[in-house]
Protein backbone atom coordinates (compact mmCIF):
# COMPACT_ATOMS: atom_id res chain seq x y z
CA UNK A 1 -43.83 -28.26 -11.55
CA UNK A 2 -42.86 -25.34 -9.29
CA UNK A 3 -39.60 -25.75 -7.40
CA UNK A 4 -40.06 -26.95 -3.80
CA UNK A 5 -37.36 -24.50 -2.71
CA UNK A 6 -39.09 -21.27 -3.73
CA UNK A 7 -40.92 -20.54 -0.50
CA UNK A 8 -39.82 -16.91 -0.44
CA UNK A 9 -40.74 -15.96 -3.98
CA UNK A 10 -40.19 -17.50 -7.40
CA UNK A 11 -36.93 -16.34 -8.92
CA UNK A 12 -35.69 -17.00 -12.44
CA UNK A 13 -31.96 -17.46 -11.83
CA UNK A 14 -31.01 -17.37 -15.50
CA UNK A 15 -32.92 -14.14 -16.15
CA UNK A 16 -32.05 -12.53 -12.84
CA UNK A 17 -28.36 -13.22 -13.11
CA UNK A 18 -28.13 -11.81 -16.64
CA UNK A 19 -30.12 -8.67 -15.92
CA UNK A 20 -27.90 -8.05 -12.88
CA UNK A 21 -24.80 -8.14 -15.06
CA UNK A 22 -23.39 -6.46 -18.09
CA UNK A 23 -21.92 -7.53 -21.43
CA UNK A 24 -24.05 -10.67 -21.54
CA UNK A 25 -22.06 -12.43 -18.79
CA UNK A 26 -23.89 -14.57 -16.29
CA UNK A 27 -23.09 -14.26 -12.61
CA UNK A 28 -21.27 -17.57 -12.77
CA UNK A 29 -19.11 -16.46 -15.71
CA UNK A 30 -18.30 -13.16 -14.04
CA UNK A 31 -17.42 -14.80 -10.73
CA UNK A 32 -15.08 -17.32 -12.37
CA UNK A 33 -13.49 -14.63 -14.53
CA UNK A 34 -12.80 -12.51 -11.44
CA UNK A 35 -11.19 -15.53 -9.74
CA UNK A 36 -8.76 -15.64 -12.67
CA UNK A 37 -8.05 -11.88 -12.45
CA UNK A 38 -9.75 -11.27 -15.78
CA UNK A 39 -11.49 -7.92 -16.40
CA UNK A 40 -15.24 -7.93 -15.72
CA UNK A 41 -17.82 -5.12 -16.05
CA UNK A 42 -18.49 -5.00 -12.30
CA UNK A 43 -17.14 -7.12 -9.44
CA UNK A 44 -19.16 -10.19 -8.55
CA UNK A 45 -20.67 -10.06 -5.06
CA UNK A 46 -21.58 -12.57 -2.39
CA UNK A 47 -21.29 -12.45 1.40
CA UNK A 48 -19.78 -14.82 3.89
CA UNK A 49 -22.59 -16.30 6.03
CA UNK A 50 -25.10 -14.87 3.56
CA UNK A 51 -27.51 -17.67 4.54
CA UNK A 52 -28.18 -17.04 8.21
CA UNK A 53 -29.93 -15.32 11.06
CA UNK A 54 -30.36 -11.89 9.48
CA UNK A 55 -32.88 -13.46 7.07
CA UNK A 56 -36.42 -13.89 8.44
CA UNK A 57 -37.02 -16.87 6.16
CA UNK A 58 -33.93 -18.57 7.64
CA UNK A 59 -35.04 -17.87 11.20
CA UNK A 60 -38.39 -19.48 10.45
CA UNK A 61 -36.77 -22.68 9.19
CA UNK A 62 -34.28 -22.78 12.07
CA UNK A 63 -37.05 -22.44 14.64
CA UNK A 64 -38.87 -25.35 13.01
CA UNK A 65 -35.93 -27.72 12.56
CA UNK A 66 -32.84 -26.55 14.45
CA UNK A 67 -29.42 -25.80 12.98
CA UNK A 68 -28.01 -29.32 12.82
CA UNK A 69 -31.08 -30.74 11.10
CA UNK A 70 -30.85 -27.97 8.50
CA UNK A 71 -27.21 -28.92 7.83
CA UNK A 72 -27.84 -32.67 7.67
CA UNK A 73 -31.03 -32.67 5.56
CA UNK A 74 -30.19 -32.09 1.88
CA UNK A 75 -33.54 -30.55 0.95
CA UNK A 76 -33.42 -28.13 3.88
CA UNK A 77 -29.74 -27.27 3.33
CA UNK A 78 -30.50 -26.58 -0.33
CA UNK A 79 -33.40 -24.33 0.59
CA UNK A 80 -31.29 -22.34 3.03
CA UNK A 81 -28.44 -22.08 0.49
CA UNK A 82 -30.83 -20.61 -2.07
CA UNK A 83 -32.63 -18.16 0.24
CA UNK A 84 -30.16 -15.25 -0.02
CA UNK A 85 -29.73 -15.75 -3.77
CA UNK A 86 -33.48 -15.64 -4.19
CA UNK A 87 -33.74 -12.43 -2.18
CA UNK A 88 -30.68 -10.51 -3.38
CA UNK A 89 -29.54 -12.23 -6.63
CA UNK A 90 -26.00 -12.69 -5.33
CA UNK A 91 -23.49 -13.84 -7.94
CA UNK A 92 -22.62 -16.94 -5.93
CA UNK A 93 -24.39 -19.32 -3.57
CA UNK A 94 -22.38 -21.06 -0.87
CA UNK A 95 -23.42 -24.41 0.53
CA UNK A 96 -25.18 -24.16 3.89
CA UNK A 97 -23.06 -26.39 6.09
CA UNK A 98 -20.61 -26.10 8.99
CA UNK A 99 -16.84 -26.44 9.22
CA UNK A 100 -17.18 -28.89 12.12
CA UNK A 101 -18.80 -31.58 9.99
CA UNK A 102 -15.29 -32.78 9.10
CA UNK A 103 -14.28 -33.50 12.72
CA UNK A 104 -17.71 -35.08 13.15
CA UNK A 105 -17.07 -37.36 10.18
CA UNK A 106 -13.75 -38.35 11.76
CA UNK A 107 -15.53 -39.35 14.97
CA UNK A 108 -15.53 -36.15 17.04
CA UNK A 109 -19.02 -34.70 17.08
CA UNK A 110 -20.19 -31.31 18.30
CA UNK A 111 -23.24 -29.46 19.53
CA UNK A 112 -24.20 -25.95 20.55
CA UNK A 113 -24.37 -25.01 24.21
CA UNK A 114 -27.67 -23.68 25.53
CA UNK A 115 -25.96 -20.45 26.50
CA UNK A 116 -24.21 -20.14 23.14
CA UNK A 117 -20.94 -21.41 21.78
CA UNK A 118 -19.69 -24.74 20.52
CA UNK A 119 -18.92 -27.81 22.57
CA UNK A 120 -17.15 -30.86 21.14
CA UNK A 121 -18.20 -34.30 22.38
CA UNK A 122 -14.74 -34.63 23.87
CA UNK A 123 -11.38 -32.88 23.55
CA UNK A 124 -8.39 -34.60 21.98
CA UNK A 125 -6.01 -35.09 24.88
CA UNK A 126 -3.83 -38.05 23.92
CA UNK A 127 -1.96 -39.58 20.99
CA UNK A 128 -4.30 -42.58 21.26
CA UNK A 129 -7.32 -40.37 20.58
CA UNK A 130 -5.63 -38.85 17.55
CA UNK A 131 -4.77 -42.28 16.17
CA UNK A 132 -8.34 -43.46 16.82
CA UNK A 133 -9.89 -40.86 14.51
CA UNK A 134 -11.74 -42.41 11.58
CA UNK A 135 -9.90 -42.90 8.29
CA UNK A 136 -10.24 -40.27 5.60
CA UNK A 137 -12.33 -42.67 3.54
CA UNK A 138 -15.17 -42.15 6.04
CA UNK A 139 -15.60 -38.49 5.11
CA UNK A 140 -17.51 -38.90 1.85
CA UNK A 141 -19.77 -41.58 3.26
CA UNK A 142 -20.62 -39.70 6.44
CA UNK A 143 -20.99 -36.34 4.69
CA UNK A 144 -23.01 -37.63 1.75
CA UNK A 145 -25.79 -35.22 2.73
CA UNK A 146 -23.56 -32.29 1.75
CA UNK A 147 -23.06 -33.74 -1.71
CA UNK A 148 -26.79 -34.33 -2.10
CA UNK A 149 -27.50 -30.72 -1.11
CA UNK A 150 -24.95 -29.41 -3.62
CA UNK A 151 -26.53 -31.45 -6.41
CA UNK A 152 -29.96 -30.02 -5.58
CA UNK A 153 -28.63 -26.45 -5.56
CA UNK A 154 -26.66 -26.94 -8.76
CA UNK A 155 -29.83 -28.15 -10.47
CA UNK A 156 -31.70 -25.02 -9.37
CA UNK A 157 -28.93 -22.58 -10.27
CA UNK A 158 -28.09 -24.15 -13.61
CA UNK A 159 -25.29 -22.30 -15.36
CA UNK A 160 -26.42 -18.85 -14.27
CA UNK A 161 -25.03 -18.50 -10.74
CA UNK A 162 -21.78 -19.72 -9.21
CA UNK A 163 -21.85 -22.33 -6.45
CA UNK A 164 -19.22 -22.53 -3.71
CA UNK A 165 -18.23 -25.32 -1.37
CA UNK A 166 -16.10 -24.83 1.72
CA UNK A 167 -14.29 -26.34 4.68
CA UNK A 168 -12.30 -25.23 7.69
CA UNK A 169 -8.52 -25.19 7.64
CA UNK A 170 -6.72 -27.98 9.54
CA UNK A 171 -5.41 -25.48 12.09
CA UNK A 172 -8.85 -24.04 12.78
CA UNK A 173 -10.47 -27.48 13.01
CA UNK A 174 -7.70 -28.73 15.29
CA UNK A 175 -8.23 -25.73 17.57
CA UNK A 176 -11.81 -26.80 18.24
CA UNK A 177 -10.89 -30.47 18.56
CA UNK A 178 -7.98 -30.04 20.98
CA UNK A 179 -9.47 -27.20 23.03
CA UNK A 180 -12.87 -28.91 23.26
CA UNK A 181 -14.97 -26.13 21.76
CA UNK A 182 -13.98 -22.81 23.32
CA UNK A 183 -10.81 -22.02 21.40
CA UNK A 184 -9.59 -19.08 23.48
CA UNK A 185 -5.92 -18.66 22.71
CA UNK A 186 -5.52 -22.28 21.54
CA UNK A 187 -2.97 -22.87 24.30
CA UNK A 188 -3.38 -26.65 24.35
CA UNK A 189 -2.98 -26.86 20.58
CA UNK A 190 0.14 -24.71 20.71
CA UNK A 191 1.51 -26.94 23.45
CA UNK A 192 0.83 -30.03 21.35
CA UNK A 193 2.60 -28.45 18.36
CA UNK A 194 5.62 -27.39 20.41
CA UNK A 195 6.03 -30.33 22.79
CA UNK A 196 4.79 -33.26 20.70
CA UNK A 197 5.39 -32.27 17.07
CA UNK A 198 5.08 -35.88 15.87
CA UNK A 199 1.47 -36.24 17.02
CA UNK A 200 0.65 -32.68 16.05
CA UNK A 201 1.78 -33.55 12.53
CA UNK A 202 -0.27 -36.77 12.61
CA UNK A 203 -3.41 -34.82 13.52
CA UNK A 204 -2.77 -32.15 10.91
CA UNK A 205 -2.06 -34.73 8.21
CA UNK A 206 -5.34 -36.50 8.97
CA UNK A 207 -7.25 -33.23 8.89
CA UNK A 208 -5.50 -32.02 5.73
CA UNK A 209 -6.32 -35.20 3.85
CA UNK A 210 -9.90 -35.22 5.15
CA UNK A 211 -10.48 -31.58 4.17
CA UNK A 212 -8.93 -32.12 0.75
CA UNK A 213 -11.17 -35.10 0.08
CA UNK A 214 -14.25 -33.25 1.31
CA UNK A 215 -13.48 -30.32 -0.99
CA UNK A 216 -12.88 -32.64 -3.94
CA UNK A 217 -16.20 -34.30 -3.16
CA UNK A 218 -17.96 -30.92 -3.19
CA UNK A 219 -16.38 -30.05 -6.53
CA UNK A 220 -17.53 -33.38 -7.97
CA UNK A 221 -21.06 -32.61 -6.74
CA UNK A 222 -21.23 -29.26 -8.52
CA UNK A 223 -19.17 -26.62 -6.70
CA UNK A 224 -17.47 -24.14 -9.07
CA UNK A 225 -15.00 -22.99 -6.41
CA UNK A 226 -14.18 -23.76 -2.79
CA UNK A 227 -13.21 -21.63 0.18
CA UNK A 228 -10.97 -22.62 3.09
CA UNK A 229 -11.78 -20.79 6.32
CA UNK A 230 -8.75 -20.33 8.56
CA UNK A 231 -10.80 -18.48 11.14
CA UNK A 232 -8.23 -18.92 13.93
CA UNK A 233 -5.17 -18.34 11.77
CA UNK A 234 -4.20 -15.22 13.72
CA UNK A 235 -3.53 -17.40 16.79
CA UNK A 236 -0.48 -18.73 14.96
CA UNK A 237 1.21 -15.35 15.23
CA UNK A 238 4.55 -15.31 13.44
CA UNK A 239 4.52 -19.11 13.23
CA UNK A 240 1.82 -19.22 10.57
CA UNK A 241 3.79 -21.28 8.07
CA UNK A 242 4.65 -24.07 10.49
CA UNK A 243 1.34 -24.23 12.31
CA UNK A 244 -1.19 -23.61 9.56
CA UNK A 245 -0.12 -22.62 6.07
CA UNK A 246 1.92 -25.74 5.29
CA UNK A 247 -1.24 -27.81 5.83
CA UNK A 248 -3.39 -25.51 3.72
CA UNK A 249 -0.74 -25.79 0.98
CA UNK A 250 -1.08 -29.59 1.17
CA UNK A 251 -4.83 -29.26 0.59
CA UNK A 252 -4.49 -26.81 -2.29
CA UNK A 253 -2.03 -29.13 -4.03
CA UNK A 254 -4.57 -31.97 -3.78
CA UNK A 255 -7.42 -30.07 -5.46
CA UNK A 256 -8.14 -30.44 -9.18
CA UNK A 257 -6.48 -27.84 -11.36
CA UNK A 258 -8.86 -25.33 -12.84
CA UNK A 259 -11.11 -25.07 -9.77
CA UNK A 260 -10.44 -21.79 -7.95
CA UNK A 261 -9.63 -22.04 -4.24
CA UNK A 262 -10.27 -19.08 -1.93
CA UNK A 263 -8.41 -18.84 1.38
CA UNK A 264 -9.71 -16.64 4.18
CA UNK A 265 -7.31 -16.29 7.11
CA UNK A 266 -8.82 -13.70 9.44
CA UNK A 267 -6.27 -11.28 10.84
CA UNK A 268 -3.52 -12.51 8.53
CA UNK A 269 -3.59 -10.06 5.62
CA UNK A 270 0.17 -9.69 5.95
CA UNK A 271 0.41 -13.33 4.91
CA UNK A 272 -1.42 -12.72 1.61
CA UNK A 273 1.72 -13.23 -0.53
CA UNK A 274 2.48 -16.50 1.25
CA UNK A 275 -1.13 -17.65 0.87
CA UNK A 276 -1.10 -16.83 -2.85
CA UNK A 277 2.25 -18.59 -3.28
CA UNK A 278 0.74 -21.64 -1.57
CA UNK A 279 -1.74 -21.95 -4.43
CA UNK A 280 -4.77 -19.87 -3.53
CA UNK A 281 -6.40 -18.35 -6.60
CA UNK A 282 -8.21 -15.85 -4.36
CA UNK A 283 -7.09 -14.34 -1.06
CA UNK A 284 -9.99 -13.19 1.10
CA UNK A 285 -9.10 -10.20 3.28
CA UNK A 286 -10.68 -9.00 6.52
CA UNK A 287 -11.80 -5.38 6.90
CA UNK A 288 -8.80 -4.23 8.95
CA UNK A 289 -6.42 -3.99 5.98
CA UNK A 290 -7.12 -1.97 2.81
CA UNK A 291 -7.33 -4.12 -0.30
CA UNK A 292 -4.94 -1.82 -2.16
CA UNK A 293 -2.26 -2.53 0.44
CA UNK A 294 -2.67 -6.27 -0.08
CA UNK A 295 -2.78 -5.85 -3.86
CA UNK A 296 0.48 -3.90 -3.78
CA UNK A 297 2.14 -6.52 -1.56
CA UNK A 298 1.18 -9.26 -4.03
CA UNK A 299 2.54 -7.21 -6.94
CA UNK A 300 5.78 -6.52 -5.10
CA UNK A 301 6.21 -10.27 -4.60
CA UNK A 302 5.53 -10.94 -8.28
CA UNK A 303 2.37 -12.89 -7.45
CA UNK A 304 -1.00 -12.95 -9.16
CA UNK A 305 -4.13 -13.65 -7.13
CA UNK A 306 -7.61 -12.21 -6.95
CA UNK A 307 -8.75 -10.46 -3.79
CA UNK A 308 -12.05 -10.94 -1.99
CA UNK A 309 -13.56 -8.50 0.47
CA UNK A 310 -13.58 -6.47 2.47
CA UNK A 311 -16.43 -4.35 3.86
CA UNK A 312 -16.69 -4.15 7.65
CA UNK A 313 -19.74 -6.31 8.58
CA UNK A 314 -20.79 -3.68 11.15
CA UNK A 315 -21.64 -1.31 8.31
CA UNK A 316 -24.70 -3.43 7.51
CA UNK A 317 -26.16 -2.47 10.89
CA UNK A 318 -26.21 1.26 10.03
CA UNK A 319 -28.25 2.85 7.22
CA UNK A 320 -28.52 2.33 3.44
CA UNK A 321 -26.79 5.66 2.86
CA UNK A 322 -23.85 4.77 5.11
CA UNK A 323 -23.70 1.33 3.52
CA UNK A 324 -23.54 2.82 0.02
CA UNK A 325 -20.73 5.17 1.03
CA UNK A 326 -18.72 2.38 2.65
CA UNK A 327 -19.19 0.09 -0.37
CA UNK A 328 -18.01 2.84 -2.72
CA UNK A 329 -14.93 3.33 -0.55
CA UNK A 330 -14.00 -0.37 -0.86
CA UNK A 331 -14.57 -0.26 -4.62
CA UNK A 332 -12.47 2.89 -4.92
CA UNK A 333 -9.69 1.25 -2.94
CA UNK A 334 -9.40 -1.37 -5.68
CA UNK A 335 -9.66 1.40 -8.31
CA UNK A 336 -11.26 -0.91 -10.84
CA UNK A 337 -8.36 -3.36 -10.79
CA UNK A 338 -9.28 -6.80 -12.15
CA UNK A 339 -9.59 -9.72 -9.80
CA UNK A 340 -11.93 -8.28 -7.16
CA UNK A 341 -14.79 -10.27 -5.62
CA UNK A 342 -16.86 -7.99 -3.41
CA UNK A 343 -17.56 -9.48 0.02
CA UNK A 344 -17.43 -8.64 3.69
CA UNK A 345 -14.27 -8.79 5.75
CA UNK A 346 -15.90 -11.49 7.88
CA UNK A 347 -19.28 -13.19 8.11
CA UNK A 348 -22.51 -11.20 8.03
CA UNK A 349 -23.88 -10.58 11.53
CA UNK A 350 -27.41 -11.37 12.76
CA UNK A 351 -28.18 -7.68 13.27
CA UNK A 352 -27.55 -6.80 9.60
CA UNK A 353 -30.50 -4.99 8.04
CA UNK A 354 -32.08 -6.31 4.86
CA UNK A 355 -32.29 -2.85 3.32
CA UNK A 356 -28.55 -2.40 3.84
CA UNK A 357 -27.72 -5.70 2.17
CA UNK A 358 -29.90 -4.64 -0.77
CA UNK A 359 -28.08 -1.28 -0.87
CA UNK A 360 -24.73 -3.09 -0.89
CA UNK A 361 -25.67 -5.26 -3.86
CA UNK A 362 -27.20 -2.36 -5.79
CA UNK A 363 -24.13 -0.18 -5.23
CA UNK A 364 -21.72 -2.87 -6.41
CA UNK A 365 -23.86 -3.54 -9.46
CA UNK A 366 -23.88 0.15 -10.33
CA UNK A 367 -20.11 0.47 -10.06
CA UNK A 368 -19.39 0.42 -13.78
């Protein structure tokens, strides 16, 4: 019977992934090899937020169901997860979900404001509210839909294409929970950390353990690798270790060995050696720092980690020719060094043009 997910066009993942690669490696094999800094014919490629508003097929589904229903309905989440892989034959699919499902599972829900932006159901303002958050054991039960979606996607992808799970970092999740939605400069969270370190630590411990269990759950349901998004890491400034990284390290230590973990801390490329030392197999880098600079910093520290990135997302709003040139520049910056996963330096934007995304993939695939 035809797959219920192929509304865009039928796509043979096993055939498509192999023809898009060289030396008989599937996309999944090439992605996992790159995570381990092993030589591959060409870098694997996927894009942060690759399932989203730039895709007409996604916009159609979102208009019909709304964002939160797409996240919470396994069949719909699986369909959205597969859409960009169907269209562009990316080397990895990433679960369509949201970082704020973890706070929601702990008892702090969220919604989107009519005028845009996120609003939490309430802001954490007291130690009593922190202590009242649900136990970590609630995460798997309340986020069972994510596991069901992963199983559906894994069945469709088979062994041909990699599948990623993800979660937000404790610091980034806490920023939304304490600030109430609009993070701004995270002043209230900084105040909590500085003036009430005991309850700050309690909140971060709860979030760390919840994120770790959610990521383990995703791995058990079929994810080949997981990514931690520390989207607000730059708000830590020079206090990154105390405020954020120590909690990410706690999560990484709790994950099963052999499953690559990617850490993306926007604006914190200078912390790449510390992130790698914390246990990240892959450090994802934003577009403001050349990958070669990060690679050299890792080497100088005697550390081994793959790098992910780091095309400026704005390039995808230009032309195919400009996109091709910019992609080649990123590839040249890595100079063919092993351990490169091609990606953007942040999430793809709604104004990205389909022809430019196609040009990006084609240029990476022709890099050998």
